[in-house]
Amino acid sequence: MKGALAEYGGVAITLYLIIFAAVLVGFAVAISLGVETESTAGSAGTLAAAWLATKLTQPLRIIATLALTPLVARGLQWFRRKPEPAPPGPGSPPP
């Protein structure tokens, strides 16, 4: 992870946090669909269970981050690339 962070910086951190948030929200939704909570304590319990499940998936999330970071970085470079100016056509003034 340190190597990816050194090479890709913010892209690696952002991707890891996006994956973390998606997994946490996914677990929270899945748990809440199976559990009826009628109080604030119940909601807190759902979030705690979702956080614990997310924590257990940390090695998988790190592997996914390491695998996806180079692809995302290349995609961002391609997206940010400026288009080359079109060559002058016939009848256009010389530069």
PDB file of N, CA and C in Angstrom:
ATOM      1  N   MET A   1       0.844  -1.191   0.000  1.00  0.00           N
ATOM      2  CA  MET A   1       0.000   0.000   0.000  1.00  0.00           C
ATOM      3  C   MET A   1       0.878   1.240   0.000  1.00  0.00           C
ATOM      4  N   LYS A   2       2.008   1.191   0.719  1.00  0.00           N
ATOM      5  CA  LYS A   2       2.896   2.352   0.760  1.00  0.00           C
ATOM      6  C   LYS A   2       3.453   2.664  -0.621  1.00  0.00           C
ATOM      7  N   GLY A   3       3.756   1.627  -1.403  1.00  0.00           N
ATOM      8  CA  GLY A   3       4.263   1.831  -2.759  1.00  0.00           C
ATOM      9  C   GLY A   3       3.233   2.508  -3.651  1.00  0.00           C
ATOM     10  N   ALA A   4       1.985   2.059  -3.568  1.00  0.00           N
ATOM     11  CA  ALA A   4       0.914   2.666  -4.355  1.00  0.00           C
ATOM     12  C   ALA A   4       0.692   4.103  -3.925  1.00  0.00           C
ATOM     13  N   LEU A   5       0.786   4.347  -2.629  1.00  0.00           N
ATOM     14  CA  LEU A   5       0.606   5.703  -2.119  1.00  0.00           C
ATOM     15  C   LEU A   5       1.730   6.608  -2.607  1.00  0.00           C
ATOM     16  N   ALA A   6       2.961   6.086  -2.609  1.00  0.00           N
ATOM     17  CA  ALA A   6       4.090   6.889  -3.075  1.00  0.00           C
ATOM     18  C   ALA A   6       3.989   7.178  -4.567  1.00  0.00           C
ATOM     19  N   GLU A   7       3.509   6.202  -5.337  1.00  0.00           N
ATOM     20  CA  GLU A   7       3.457   6.380  -6.788  1.00  0.00           C
ATOM     21  C   GLU A   7       2.222   7.149  -7.257  1.00  0.00           C
ATOM     22  N   TYR A   8       1.074   6.871  -6.646  1.00  0.00           N
ATOM     23  CA  TYR A   8      -0.175   7.454  -7.140  1.00  0.00           C
ATOM     24  C   TYR A   8      -0.784   8.497  -6.216  1.00  0.00           C
ATOM     25  N   GLY A   9      -0.308   8.606  -4.989  1.00  0.00           N
ATOM     26  CA  GLY A   9      -0.746   9.649  -4.063  1.00  0.00           C
ATOM     27  C   GLY A   9      -2.230   9.688  -3.810  1.00  0.00           C
ATOM     28  N   GLY A  10      -2.817  10.819  -4.122  1.00  0.00           N
ATOM     29  CA  GLY A  10      -4.222  11.072  -3.836  1.00  0.00           C
ATOM     30  C   GLY A  10      -5.179  10.126  -4.530  1.00  0.00           C
ATOM     31  N   VAL A  11      -4.789   9.609  -5.686  1.00  0.00           N
ATOM     32  CA  VAL A  11      -5.675   8.672  -6.397  1.00  0.00           C
ATOM     33  C   VAL A  11      -5.871   7.418  -5.558  1.00  0.00           C
ATOM     34  N   ALA A  12      -4.785   6.897  -4.980  1.00  0.00           N
ATOM     35  CA  ALA A  12      -4.879   5.682  -4.159  1.00  0.00           C
ATOM     36  C   ALA A  12      -5.713   5.925  -2.900  1.00  0.00           C
ATOM     37  N   ILE A  13      -5.491   7.047  -2.251  1.00  0.00           N
ATOM     38  CA  ILE A  13      -6.246   7.366  -1.030  1.00  0.00           C
ATOM     39  C   ILE A  13      -7.726   7.541  -1.344  1.00  0.00           C
ATOM     40  N   THR A  14      -8.026   8.292  -2.387  1.00  0.00           N
ATOM     41  CA  THR A  14      -9.410   8.541  -2.763  1.00  0.00           C
ATOM     42  C   THR A  14     -10.119   7.244  -3.131  1.00  0.00           C
ATOM     43  N   LEU A  15      -9.453   6.404  -3.911  1.00  0.00           N
ATOM     44  CA  LEU A  15     -10.057   5.137  -4.306  1.00  0.00           C
ATOM     45  C   LEU A  15     -10.305   4.247  -3.090  1.00  0.00           C
ATOM     46  N   TYR A  16      -9.359   4.187  -2.160  1.00  0.00           N
ATOM     47  CA  TYR A  16      -9.532   3.378  -0.952  1.00  0.00           C
ATOM     48  C   TYR A  16     -10.728   3.884  -0.138  1.00  0.00           C
ATOM     49  N   LEU A  17     -10.833   5.198   0.016  1.00  0.00           N
ATOM     50  CA  LEU A  17     -11.955   5.754   0.791  1.00  0.00           C
ATOM     51  C   LEU A  17     -13.300   5.531   0.112  1.00  0.00           C
ATOM     52  N   ILE A  18     -13.321   5.580  -1.221  1.00  0.00           N
ATOM     53  CA  ILE A  18     -14.563   5.312  -1.952  1.00  0.00           C
ATOM     54  C   ILE A  18     -14.981   3.862  -1.754  1.00  0.00           C
ATOM     55  N   ILE A  19     -14.014   2.939  -1.860  1.00  0.00           N
ATOM     56  CA  ILE A  19     -14.318   1.525  -1.649  1.00  0.00           C
ATOM     57  C   ILE A  19     -14.786   1.299  -0.214  1.00  0.00           C
ATOM     58  N   PHE A  20     -14.105   1.922   0.757  1.00  0.00           N
ATOM     59  CA  PHE A  20     -14.497   1.793   2.168  1.00  0.00           C
ATOM     60  C   PHE A  20     -15.933   2.265   2.376  1.00  0.00           C
ATOM     61  N   ALA A  21     -16.247   3.444   1.862  1.00  0.00           N
ATOM     62  CA  ALA A  21     -17.588   3.998   2.046  1.00  0.00           C
ATOM     63  C   ALA A  21     -18.643   3.125   1.376  1.00  0.00           C
ATOM     64  N   ALA A  22     -18.355   2.616   0.191  1.00  0.00           N
ATOM     65  CA  ALA A  22     -19.318   1.774  -0.516  1.00  0.00           C
ATOM     66  C   ALA A  22     -19.578   0.477   0.253  1.00  0.00           C
ATOM     67  N   VAL A  23     -18.513  -0.123   0.789  1.00  0.00           N
ATOM     68  CA  VAL A  23     -18.675  -1.361   1.551  1.00  0.00           C
ATOM     69  C   VAL A  23     -19.430  -1.094   2.852  1.00  0.00           C
ATOM     70  N   LEU A  24     -19.097  -0.012   3.544  1.00  0.00           N
ATOM     71  CA  LEU A  24     -19.779   0.326   4.792  1.00  0.00           C
ATOM     72  C   LEU A  24     -21.265   0.572   4.563  1.00  0.00           C
ATOM     73  N   VAL A  25     -21.586   1.362   3.568  1.00  0.00           N
ATOM     74  CA  VAL A  25     -22.990   1.641   3.262  1.00  0.00           C
ATOM     75  C   VAL A  25     -23.697   0.358   2.820  1.00  0.00           C
ATOM     76  N   GLY A  26     -23.015  -0.448   2.017  1.00  0.00           N
ATOM     77  CA  GLY A  26     -23.613  -1.713   1.579  1.00  0.00           C
ATOM     78  C   GLY A  26     -23.950  -2.631   2.738  1.00  0.00           C
ATOM     79  N   PHE A  27     -22.999  -2.770   3.673  1.00  0.00           N
ATOM     80  CA  PHE A  27     -23.270  -3.600   4.851  1.00  0.00           C
ATOM     81  C   PHE A  27     -24.370  -2.993   5.702  1.00  0.00           C
ATOM     82  N   ALA A  28     -24.375  -1.686   5.884  1.00  0.00           N
ATOM     83  CA  ALA A  28     -25.404  -1.043   6.703  1.00  0.00           C
ATOM     84  C   ALA A  28     -26.790  -1.257   6.106  1.00  0.00           C
ATOM     85  N   VAL A  29     -26.893  -1.127   4.798  1.00  0.00           N
ATOM     86  CA  VAL A  29     -28.187  -1.345   4.139  1.00  0.00           C
ATOM     87  C   VAL A  29     -28.595  -2.803   4.255  1.00  0.00           C
ATOM     88  N   ALA A  30     -27.656  -3.709   4.011  1.00  0.00           N
ATOM     89  CA  ALA A  30     -27.972  -5.140   4.089  1.00  0.00           C
ATOM     90  C   ALA A  30     -28.403  -5.537   5.496  1.00  0.00           C
ATOM     91  N   ILE A  31     -27.706  -5.024   6.492  1.00  0.00           N
ATOM     92  CA  ILE A  31     -28.061  -5.354   7.876  1.00  0.00           C
ATOM     93  C   ILE A  31     -29.400  -4.734   8.245  1.00  0.00           C
ATOM     94  N   SER A  32     -29.626  -3.493   7.838  1.00  0.00           N
ATOM     95  CA  SER A  32     -30.884  -2.839   8.206  1.00  0.00           C
ATOM     96  C   SER A  32     -32.087  -3.468   7.510  1.00  0.00           C
ATOM     97  N   LEU A  33     -31.878  -4.063   6.350  1.00  0.00           N
ATOM     98  CA  LEU A  33     -32.986  -4.736   5.675  1.00  0.00           C
ATOM     99  C   LEU A  33     -33.392  -6.016   6.395  1.00  0.00           C
ATOM    100  N   GLY A  34     -32.456  -6.577   7.152  1.00  0.00           N
ATOM    101  CA  GLY A  34     -32.762  -7.801   7.869  1.00  0.00           C
ATOM    102  C   GLY A  34     -33.116  -7.582   9.319  1.00  0.00           C
ATOM    103  N   VAL A  35     -32.982  -6.352   9.813  1.00  0.00           N
ATOM    104  CA  VAL A  35     -33.217  -6.069  11.234  1.00  0.00           C
ATOM    105  C   VAL A  35     -34.161  -4.884  11.346  1.00  0.00           C
ATOM    106  N   GLU A  36     -35.204  -5.021  12.158  1.00  0.00           N
ATOM    107  CA  GLU A  36     -36.101  -3.897  12.400  1.00  0.00           C
ATOM    108  C   GLU A  36     -35.578  -3.105  13.587  1.00  0.00           C
ATOM    109  N   THR A  37     -35.203  -1.852  13.350  1.00  0.00           N
ATOM    110  CA  THR A  37     -34.721  -1.001  14.437  1.00  0.00           C
ATOM    111  C   THR A  37     -35.770   0.064  14.711  1.00  0.00           C
ATOM    112  N   GLU A  38     -36.107   0.235  15.979  1.00  0.00           N
ATOM    113  CA  GLU A  38     -37.124   1.204  16.343  1.00  0.00           C
ATOM    114  C   GLU A  38     -36.575   2.302  17.231  1.00  0.00           C
ATOM    115  N   SER A  39     -35.277   2.272  17.480  1.00  0.00           N
ATOM    116  CA  SER A  39     -34.705   3.283  18.363  1.00  0.00           C
ATOM    117  C   SER A  39     -33.357   3.734  17.827  1.00  0.00           C
ATOM    118  N   THR A  40     -32.842   4.779  18.434  1.00  0.00           N
ATOM    119  CA  THR A  40     -31.518   5.269  18.066  1.00  0.00           C
ATOM    120  C   THR A  40     -30.457   4.231  18.391  1.00  0.00           C
ATOM    121  N   ALA A  41     -30.629   3.521  19.485  1.00  0.00           N
ATOM    122  CA  ALA A  41     -29.673   2.475  19.860  1.00  0.00           C
ATOM    123  C   ALA A  41     -29.649   1.380  18.804  1.00  0.00           C
ATOM    124  N   GLY A  42     -30.800   1.076  18.234  1.00  0.00           N
ATOM    125  CA  GLY A  42     -30.851   0.072  17.173  1.00  0.00           C
ATOM    126  C   GLY A  42     -30.097   0.520  15.942  1.00  0.00           C
ATOM    127  N   SER A  43     -30.236   1.800  15.590  1.00  0.00           N
ATOM    128  CA  SER A  43     -29.503   2.341  14.445  1.00  0.00           C
ATOM    129  C   SER A  43     -28.003   2.350  14.719  1.00  0.00           C
ATOM    130  N   ALA A  44     -27.629   2.690  15.934  1.00  0.00           N
ATOM    131  CA  ALA A  44     -26.213   2.675  16.304  1.00  0.00           C
ATOM    132  C   ALA A  44     -25.681   1.258  16.247  1.00  0.00           C
ATOM    133  N   GLY A  45     -26.470   0.304  16.653  1.00  0.00           N
ATOM    134  CA  GLY A  45     -26.064  -1.093  16.582  1.00  0.00           C
ATOM    135  C   GLY A  45     -25.873  -1.553  15.148  1.00  0.00           C
ATOM    136  N   THR A  46     -26.740  -1.087  14.257  1.00  0.00           N
ATOM    137  CA  THR A  46     -26.612  -1.417  12.844  1.00  0.00           C
ATOM    138  C   THR A  46     -25.314  -0.852  12.286  1.00  0.00           C
ATOM    139  N   LEU A  47     -25.028   0.411  12.636  1.00  0.00           N
ATOM    140  CA  LEU A  47     -23.781   1.022  12.159  1.00  0.00           C
ATOM    141  C   LEU A  47     -22.558   0.325  12.734  1.00  0.00           C
ATOM    142  N   ALA A  48     -22.619  -0.068  13.993  1.00  0.00           N
ATOM    143  CA  ALA A  48     -21.489  -0.774  14.604  1.00  0.00           C
ATOM    144  C   ALA A  48     -21.273  -2.125  13.934  1.00  0.00           C
ATOM    145  N   ALA A  49     -22.345  -2.827  13.646  1.00  0.00           N
ATOM    146  CA  ALA A  49     -22.221  -4.121  12.971  1.00  0.00           C
ATOM    147  C   ALA A  49     -21.686  -3.942  11.554  1.00  0.00           C
ATOM    148  N   ALA A  50     -22.146  -2.897  10.873  1.00  0.00           N
ATOM    149  CA  ALA A  50     -21.650  -2.621   9.523  1.00  0.00           C
ATOM    150  C   ALA A  50     -20.174  -2.260   9.555  1.00  0.00           C
ATOM    151  N   TRP A  51     -19.761  -1.472  10.542  1.00  0.00           N
ATOM    152  CA  TRP A  51     -18.342  -1.109  10.655  1.00  0.00           C
ATOM    153  C   TRP A  51     -17.496  -2.349  10.917  1.00  0.00           C
ATOM    154  N   LEU A  52     -17.965  -3.239  11.795  1.00  0.00           N
ATOM    155  CA  LEU A  52     -17.220  -4.461  12.097  1.00  0.00           C
ATOM    156  C   LEU A  52     -17.087  -5.331  10.849  1.00  0.00           C
ATOM    157  N   ALA A  53     -18.180  -5.487  10.106  1.00  0.00           N
ATOM    158  CA  ALA A  53     -18.124  -6.279   8.875  1.00  0.00           C
ATOM    159  C   ALA A  53     -17.186  -5.637   7.859  1.00  0.00           C
ATOM    160  N   THR A  54     -17.210  -4.312   7.784  1.00  0.00           N
ATOM    161  CA  THR A  54     -16.320  -3.595   6.868  1.00  0.00           C
ATOM    162  C   THR A  54     -14.869  -3.783   7.290  1.00  0.00           C
ATOM    163  N   LYS A  55     -14.610  -3.730   8.576  1.00  0.00           N
ATOM    164  CA  LYS A  55     -13.253  -3.916   9.092  1.00  0.00           C
ATOM    165  C   LYS A  55     -12.726  -5.309   8.732  1.00  0.00           C
ATOM    166  N   LEU A  56     -13.606  -6.308   8.774  1.00  0.00           N
ATOM    167  CA  LEU A  56     -13.200  -7.668   8.432  1.00  0.00           C
ATOM    168  C   LEU A  56     -12.833  -7.814   6.954  1.00  0.00           C
ATOM    169  N   THR A  57     -13.361  -6.936   6.117  1.00  0.00           N
ATOM    170  CA  THR A  57     -13.055  -7.001   4.682  1.00  0.00           C
ATOM    171  C   THR A  57     -11.853  -6.137   4.305  1.00  0.00           C
ATOM    172  N   GLN A  58     -11.152  -5.584   5.279  1.00  0.00           N
ATOM    173  CA  GLN A  58     -10.043  -4.681   4.975  1.00  0.00           C
ATOM    174  C   GLN A  58      -8.984  -5.295   4.058  1.00  0.00           C
ATOM    175  N   PRO A  59      -8.536  -6.532   4.276  1.00  0.00           N
ATOM    176  CA  PRO A  59      -7.535  -7.081   3.350  1.00  0.00           C
ATOM    177  C   PRO A  59      -8.038  -7.124   1.902  1.00  0.00           C
ATOM    178  N   LEU A  60      -9.300  -7.458   1.726  1.00  0.00           N
ATOM    179  CA  LEU A  60      -9.861  -7.484   0.369  1.00  0.00           C
ATOM    180  C   LEU A  60      -9.939  -6.082  -0.228  1.00  0.00           C
ATOM    181  N   ARG A  61     -10.274  -5.110   0.602  1.00  0.00           N
ATOM    182  CA  ARG A  61     -10.346  -3.733   0.113  1.00  0.00           C
ATOM    183  C   ARG A  61      -8.968  -3.214  -0.276  1.00  0.00           C
ATOM    184  N   ILE A  62      -7.943  -3.589   0.477  1.00  0.00           N
ATOM    185  CA  ILE A  62      -6.578  -3.171   0.142  1.00  0.00           C
ATOM    186  C   ILE A  62      -6.152  -3.804  -1.176  1.00  0.00           C
ATOM    187  N   ILE A  63      -6.450  -5.088  -1.357  1.00  0.00           N
ATOM    188  CA  ILE A  63      -6.108  -5.761  -2.615  1.00  0.00           C
ATOM    189  C   ILE A  63      -6.839  -5.098  -3.786  1.00  0.00           C
ATOM    190  N   ALA A  64      -8.114  -4.794  -3.607  1.00  0.00           N
ATOM    191  CA  ALA A  64      -8.878  -4.124  -4.667  1.00  0.00           C
ATOM    192  C   ALA A  64      -8.296  -2.754  -4.977  1.00  0.00           C
ATOM    193  N   THR A  65      -7.888  -2.027  -3.953  1.00  0.00           N
ATOM    194  CA  THR A  65      -7.288  -0.710  -4.164  1.00  0.00           C
ATOM    195  C   THR A  65      -5.986  -0.836  -4.950  1.00  0.00           C
ATOM    196  N   LEU A  66      -5.143  -1.786  -4.564  1.00  0.00           N
ATOM    197  CA  LEU A  66      -3.871  -1.979  -5.259  1.00  0.00           C
ATOM    198  C   LEU A  66      -4.079  -2.396  -6.708  1.00  0.00           C
ATOM    199  N   ALA A  67      -5.104  -3.187  -6.971  1.00  0.00           N
ATOM    200  CA  ALA A  67      -5.369  -3.633  -8.338  1.00  0.00           C
ATOM    201  C   ALA A  67      -5.992  -2.535  -9.196  1.00  0.00           C
ATOM    202  N   LEU A  68      -6.865  -1.727  -8.611  1.00  0.00           N
ATOM    203  CA  LEU A  68      -7.609  -0.730  -9.394  1.00  0.00           C
ATOM    204  C   LEU A  68      -6.901   0.615  -9.538  1.00  0.00           C
ATOM    205  N   THR A  69      -6.000   0.956  -8.614  1.00  0.00           N
ATOM    206  CA  THR A  69      -5.374   2.278  -8.641  1.00  0.00           C
ATOM    207  C   THR A  69      -4.651   2.579  -9.946  1.00  0.00           C
ATOM    208  N   PRO A  70      -3.810   1.668 -10.481  1.00  0.00           N
ATOM    209  CA  PRO A  70      -3.157   1.997 -11.756  1.00  0.00           C
ATOM    210  C   PRO A  70      -4.154   2.221 -12.893  1.00  0.00           C
ATOM    211  N   LEU A  71      -5.226   1.437 -12.909  1.00  0.00           N
ATOM    212  CA  LEU A  71      -6.235   1.608 -13.957  1.00  0.00           C
ATOM    213  C   LEU A  71      -6.942   2.954 -13.844  1.00  0.00           C
ATOM    214  N   VAL A  72      -7.307   3.307 -12.625  1.00  0.00           N
ATOM    215  CA  VAL A  72      -7.987   4.590 -12.408  1.00  0.00           C
ATOM    216  C   VAL A  72      -7.043   5.752 -12.738  1.00  0.00           C
ATOM    217  N   ALA A  73      -5.778   5.642 -12.351  1.00  0.00           N
ATOM    218  CA  ALA A  73      -4.810   6.704 -12.632  1.00  0.00           C
ATOM    219  C   ALA A  73      -4.632   6.883 -14.138  1.00  0.00           C
ATOM    220  N   ARG A  74      -4.537   5.769 -14.885  1.00  0.00           N
ATOM    221  CA  ARG A  74      -4.422   5.866 -16.350  1.00  0.00           C
ATOM    222  C   ARG A  74      -5.676   6.479 -16.955  1.00  0.00           C
ATOM    223  N   GLY A  75      -6.840   6.085 -16.431  1.00  0.00           N
ATOM    224  CA  GLY A  75      -8.094   6.658 -16.929  1.00  0.00           C
ATOM    225  C   GLY A  75      -8.172   8.157 -16.678  1.00  0.00           C
ATOM    226  N   LEU A  76      -7.713   8.596 -15.512  1.00  0.00           N
ATOM    227  CA  LEU A  76      -7.714  10.033 -15.216  1.00  0.00           C
ATOM    228  C   LEU A  76      -6.736  10.784 -16.114  1.00  0.00           C
ATOM    229  N   GLN A  77      -5.573  10.185 -16.395  1.00  0.00           N
ATOM    230  CA  GLN A  77      -4.614  10.828 -17.295  1.00  0.00           C
ATOM    231  C   GLN A  77      -5.214  10.962 -18.684  1.00  0.00           C
ATOM    232  N   TRP A  78      -5.891   9.913 -19.158  1.00  0.00           N
ATOM    233  CA  TRP A  78      -6.507   9.967 -20.479  1.00  0.00           C
ATOM    234  C   TRP A  78      -7.608  11.024 -20.513  1.00  0.00           C
ATOM    235  N   PHE A  79      -8.390  11.100 -19.454  1.00  0.00           N
ATOM    236  CA  PHE A  79      -9.497  12.047 -19.385  1.00  0.00           C
ATOM    237  C   PHE A  79      -8.987  13.489 -19.338  1.00  0.00           C
ATOM    238  N   ARG A  80      -7.886  13.726 -18.645  1.00  0.00           N
ATOM    239  CA  ARG A  80      -7.354  15.077 -18.478  1.00  0.00           C
ATOM    240  C   ARG A  80      -6.504  15.536 -19.654  1.00  0.00           C
ATOM    241  N   ARG A  81      -6.140  14.610 -20.545  1.00  0.00           N
ATOM    242  CA  ARG A  81      -5.283  14.952 -21.681  1.00  0.00           C
ATOM    243  C   ARG A  81      -5.969  15.998 -22.553  1.00  0.00           C
ATOM    244  N   LYS A  82      -5.206  17.013 -22.928  1.00  0.00           N
ATOM    245  CA  LYS A  82      -5.751  18.073 -23.766  1.00  0.00           C
ATOM    246  C   LYS A  82      -5.762  17.603 -25.215  1.00  0.00           C
ATOM    247  N   PRO A  83      -6.814  17.915 -25.952  1.00  0.00           N
ATOM    248  CA  PRO A  83      -6.842  17.514 -27.360  1.00  0.00           C
ATOM    249  C   PRO A  83      -5.799  18.301 -28.158  1.00  0.00           C
ATOM    250  N   GLU A  84      -5.196  17.615 -29.123  1.00  0.00           N
ATOM    251  CA  GLU A  84      -4.210  18.276 -29.963  1.00  0.00           C
ATOM    252  C   GLU A  84      -4.929  19.176 -30.951  1.00  0.00           C
ATOM    253  N   PRO A  85      -4.328  20.334 -31.263  1.00  0.00           N
ATOM    254  CA  PRO A  85      -4.985  21.212 -32.237  1.00  0.00           C
ATOM    255  C   PRO A  85      -5.022  20.543 -33.613  1.00  0.00           C
ATOM    256  N   ALA A  86      -6.095  20.816 -34.332  1.00  0.00           N
ATOM    257  CA  ALA A  86      -6.253  20.234 -35.680  1.00  0.00           C
ATOM    258  C   ALA A  86      -5.236  20.870 -36.614  1.00  0.00           C
ATOM    259  N   PRO A  87      -4.710  20.074 -37.563  1.00  0.00           N
ATOM    260  CA  PRO A  87      -3.761  20.656 -38.523  1.00  0.00           C
ATOM    261  C   PRO A  87      -4.491  21.649 -39.411  1.00  0.00           C
ATOM    262  N   PRO A  88      -3.755  22.664 -39.877  1.00  0.00           N
ATOM    263  CA  PRO A  88      -4.418  23.670 -40.731  1.00  0.00           C
ATOM    264  C   PRO A  88      -4.917  23.028 -42.015  1.00  0.00           C
ATOM    265  N   GLY A  89      -6.097  23.423 -42.385  1.00  0.00           N
ATOM    266  CA  GLY A  89      -6.697  22.890 -43.604  1.00  0.00           C
ATOM    267  C   GLY A  89      -6.369  23.770 -44.796  1.00  0.00           C
ATOM    268  N   PRO A  90      -6.771  23.354 -45.979  1.00  0.00           N
ATOM    269  CA  PRO A  90      -6.501  24.194 -47.157  1.00  0.00           C
ATOM    270  C   PRO A  90      -7.284  25.499 -47.068  1.00  0.00           C
ATOM    271  N   GLY A  91      -6.639  26.533 -47.469  1.00  0.00           N
ATOM    272  CA  GLY A  91      -7.270  27.842 -47.446  1.00  0.00           C
ATOM    273  C   GLY A  91      -7.155  28.556 -46.122  1.00  0.00           C
ATOM    274  N   SER A  92      -6.526  27.952 -45.121  1.00  0.00           N
ATOM    275  CA  SER A  92      -6.366  28.634 -43.836  1.00  0.00           C
ATOM    276  C   SER A  92      -5.091  29.455 -43.877  1.00  0.00           C
ATOM    277  N   PRO A  93      -5.069  30.563 -43.135  1.00  0.00           N
ATOM    278  CA  PRO A  93      -3.882  31.420 -43.153  1.00  0.00           C
ATOM    279  C   PRO A  93      -2.673  30.712 -42.542  1.00  0.00           C
ATOM    280  N   PRO A  94      -1.480  30.964 -43.063  1.00  0.00           N
ATOM    281  CA  PRO A  94      -0.282  30.338 -42.499  1.00  0.00           C
ATOM    282  C   PRO A  94      -0.039  30.844 -41.071  1.00  0.00           C
ATOM    283  N   PRO A  95       0.611  30.021 -40.243  1.00  0.00           N
ATOM    284  CA  PRO A  95       0.836  30.434 -38.835  1.00  0.00           C
ATOM    285  C   PRO A  95       1.777  31.562 -38.674  1.00  0.00           C
TER     286      PRO A  95
END
